[in-house]
Amino acid sequence: MVEHDEEIALERRTKRSFDTTINVAHILTTIGAIVAVFNWASDIKTTIATNMTEIAHLKEERMREAEELKESIRELNKKIDRLIERGY
């Protein structure tokens, strides 16, 4: 009988099994992971919104600079035309 009990105990120790119970640590870990994912998603949304604002600002700035360049080119053309009219 003792040998049989020892065999059962040995079998239990060597047998790999999973504990199918859910404890407080599992629940807290799952909640923590869910909160972390929501925080990450919120940060991503904030970053996207910030980038969209910056892109819009850069587009406006590029358009303004393009207009300034066009105006500078017009002024240079006028100066060149005046020089040509003077005979230089």
C-alpha atoms as a PDB file:
ATOM      1  CA  MET A   1       0.000   0.000   0.000  1.00  0.00           C
ATOM      2  CA  VAL A   2       2.835   2.390   0.821  1.00  0.00           C
ATOM      3  CA  GLU A   3       4.453   1.697  -2.520  1.00  0.00           C
ATOM      4  CA  HIS A   4       1.197   2.400  -4.291  1.00  0.00           C
ATOM      5  CA  ASP A   5       0.844   5.765  -2.475  1.00  0.00           C
ATOM      6  CA  GLU A   6       4.441   6.638  -3.338  1.00  0.00           C
ATOM      7  CA  GLU A   7       3.812   5.796  -6.994  1.00  0.00           C
ATOM      8  CA  ILE A   8       0.726   8.022  -7.034  1.00  0.00           C
ATOM      9  CA  ALA A   9       2.641  10.857  -5.364  1.00  0.00           C
ATOM     10  CA  LEU A  10       5.513  10.466  -7.837  1.00  0.00           C
ATOM     11  CA  GLU A  11       3.076  10.399 -10.744  1.00  0.00           C
ATOM     12  CA  ARG A  12       1.434  13.586  -9.511  1.00  0.00           C
ATOM     13  CA  ARG A  13       4.795  15.337  -9.186  1.00  0.00           C
ATOM     14  CA  THR A  14       6.016  14.299 -12.621  1.00  0.00           C
ATOM     15  CA  LYS A  15       2.729  14.816 -14.437  1.00  0.00           C
ATOM     16  CA  ARG A  16       2.466  18.256 -15.991  1.00  0.00           C
ATOM     17  CA  SER A  17      -0.896  19.804 -15.528  1.00  0.00           C
ATOM     18  CA  PHE A  18      -2.330  23.256 -15.629  1.00  0.00           C
ATOM     19  CA  ASP A  19      -4.217  24.844 -12.813  1.00  0.00           C
ATOM     20  CA  THR A  20      -7.595  25.754 -14.258  1.00  0.00           C
ATOM     21  CA  THR A  21      -8.655  28.004 -11.405  1.00  0.00           C
ATOM     22  CA  ILE A  22      -8.768  31.775 -11.713  1.00  0.00           C
ATOM     23  CA  ASN A  23      -7.394  33.782  -8.843  1.00  0.00           C
ATOM     24  CA  VAL A  24      -7.160  37.466  -8.002  1.00  0.00           C
ATOM     25  CA  ALA A  25      -3.677  37.771  -9.542  1.00  0.00           C
ATOM     26  CA  HIS A  26      -4.989  36.594 -12.905  1.00  0.00           C
ATOM     27  CA  ILE A  27      -7.837  39.085 -12.806  1.00  0.00           C
ATOM     28  CA  LEU A  28      -5.581  41.990 -11.778  1.00  0.00           C
ATOM     29  CA  THR A  29      -3.033  41.123 -14.458  1.00  0.00           C
ATOM     30  CA  THR A  30      -5.728  40.990 -17.125  1.00  0.00           C
ATOM     31  CA  ILE A  31      -7.199  44.313 -16.014  1.00  0.00           C
ATOM     32  CA  GLY A  32      -3.714  45.857 -16.000  1.00  0.00           C
ATOM     33  CA  ALA A  33      -3.068  44.634 -19.538  1.00  0.00           C
ATOM     34  CA  ILE A  34      -6.399  46.000 -20.744  1.00  0.00           C
ATOM     35  CA  VAL A  35      -5.717  49.398 -19.157  1.00  0.00           C
ATOM     36  CA  ALA A  36      -2.248  49.462 -20.718  1.00  0.00           C
ATOM     37  CA  VAL A  37      -3.688  48.772 -24.176  1.00  0.00           C
ATOM     38  CA  PHE A  38      -6.271  51.546 -23.810  1.00  0.00           C
ATOM     39  CA  ASN A  39      -3.583  54.007 -22.656  1.00  0.00           C
ATOM     40  CA  TRP A  40      -1.410  53.063 -25.621  1.00  0.00           C
ATOM     41  CA  ALA A  41      -4.315  53.542 -28.034  1.00  0.00           C
ATOM     42  CA  SER A  42      -5.131  56.907 -26.485  1.00  0.00           C
ATOM     43  CA  ASP A  43      -1.513  58.028 -26.861  1.00  0.00           C
ATOM     44  CA  ILE A  44      -1.542  56.955 -30.504  1.00  0.00           C
ATOM     45  CA  LYS A  45      -4.715  58.971 -31.138  1.00  0.00           C
ATOM     46  CA  THR A  46      -3.169  62.029 -29.494  1.00  0.00           C
ATOM     47  CA  THR A  47      -0.002  61.649 -31.555  1.00  0.00           C
ATOM     48  CA  ILE A  48      -2.003  61.339 -34.781  1.00  0.00           C
ATOM     49  CA  ALA A  49      -4.048  64.441 -33.958  1.00  0.00           C
ATOM     50  CA  THR A  50      -0.882  66.412 -33.188  1.00  0.00           C
ATOM     51  CA  ASN A  51       0.757  65.272 -36.417  1.00  0.00           C
ATOM     52  CA  MET A  52      -2.299  66.218 -38.460  1.00  0.00           C
ATOM     53  CA  THR A  53      -2.234  69.718 -36.979  1.00  0.00           C
ATOM     54  CA  GLU A  54       1.482  70.080 -37.702  1.00  0.00           C
ATOM     55  CA  ILE A  55       1.020  68.852 -41.271  1.00  0.00           C
ATOM     56  CA  ALA A  56      -1.742  71.389 -41.880  1.00  0.00           C
ATOM     57  CA  HIS A  57       0.482  74.154 -40.496  1.00  0.00           C
ATOM     58  CA  LEU A  58       3.392  73.071 -42.695  1.00  0.00           C
ATOM     59  CA  LYS A  59       1.156  73.043 -45.776  1.00  0.00           C
ATOM     60  CA  GLU A  60       0.045  76.595 -45.056  1.00  0.00           C
ATOM     61  CA  GLU A  61       3.635  77.688 -44.493  1.00  0.00           C
ATOM     62  CA  ARG A  62       4.766  76.061 -47.746  1.00  0.00           C
ATOM     63  CA  MET A  63       1.991  77.793 -49.684  1.00  0.00           C
ATOM     64  CA  ARG A  64       2.936  81.149 -48.143  1.00  0.00           C
ATOM     65  CA  GLU A  65       6.609  80.628 -48.990  1.00  0.00           C
ATOM     66  CA  ALA A  66       5.689  79.645 -52.550  1.00  0.00           C
ATOM     67  CA  GLU A  67       3.729  82.897 -52.931  1.00  0.00           C
ATOM     68  CA  GLU A  68       6.695  84.866 -51.548  1.00  0.00           C
ATOM     69  CA  LEU A  69       8.992  83.187 -54.076  1.00  0.00           C
ATOM     70  CA  LYS A  70       6.605  83.979 -56.916  1.00  0.00           C
ATOM     71  CA  GLU A  71       6.508  87.614 -55.837  1.00  0.00           C
ATOM     72  CA  SER A  72      10.315  87.737 -55.643  1.00  0.00           C
ATOM     73  CA  ILE A  73      10.575  86.285 -59.132  1.00  0.00           C
ATOM     74  CA  ARG A  74       8.087  88.877 -60.444  1.00  0.00           C
ATOM     75  CA  GLU A  75      10.151  91.681 -58.898  1.00  0.00           C
ATOM     76  CA  LEU A  76      13.349  90.281 -60.427  1.00  0.00           C
ATOM     77  CA  ASN A  77      11.656  90.049 -63.819  1.00  0.00           C
ATOM     78  CA  LYS A  78      10.592  93.698 -63.539  1.00  0.00           C
ATOM     79  CA  LYS A  79      14.139  94.747 -62.672  1.00  0.00           C
ATOM     80  CA  ILE A  80      15.568  92.747 -65.565  1.00  0.00           C
ATOM     81  CA  ASP A  81      13.013  94.297 -67.922  1.00  0.00           C
ATOM     82  CA  ARG A  82      13.997  97.791 -66.767  1.00  0.00           C
ATOM     83  CA  LEU A  83      17.681  97.004 -67.263  1.00  0.00           C
ATOM     84  CA  ILE A  84      16.967  95.719 -70.751  1.00  0.00           C
ATOM     85  CA  GLU A  85      14.970  98.865 -71.546  1.00  0.00           C
ATOM     86  CA  ARG A  86      17.901 101.015 -70.407  1.00  0.00           C
ATOM     87  CA  GLY A  87      20.190  99.117 -72.714  1.00  0.00           C
ATOM     88  CA  TYR A  88      22.383  97.239 -70.301  1.00  0.00           C
END
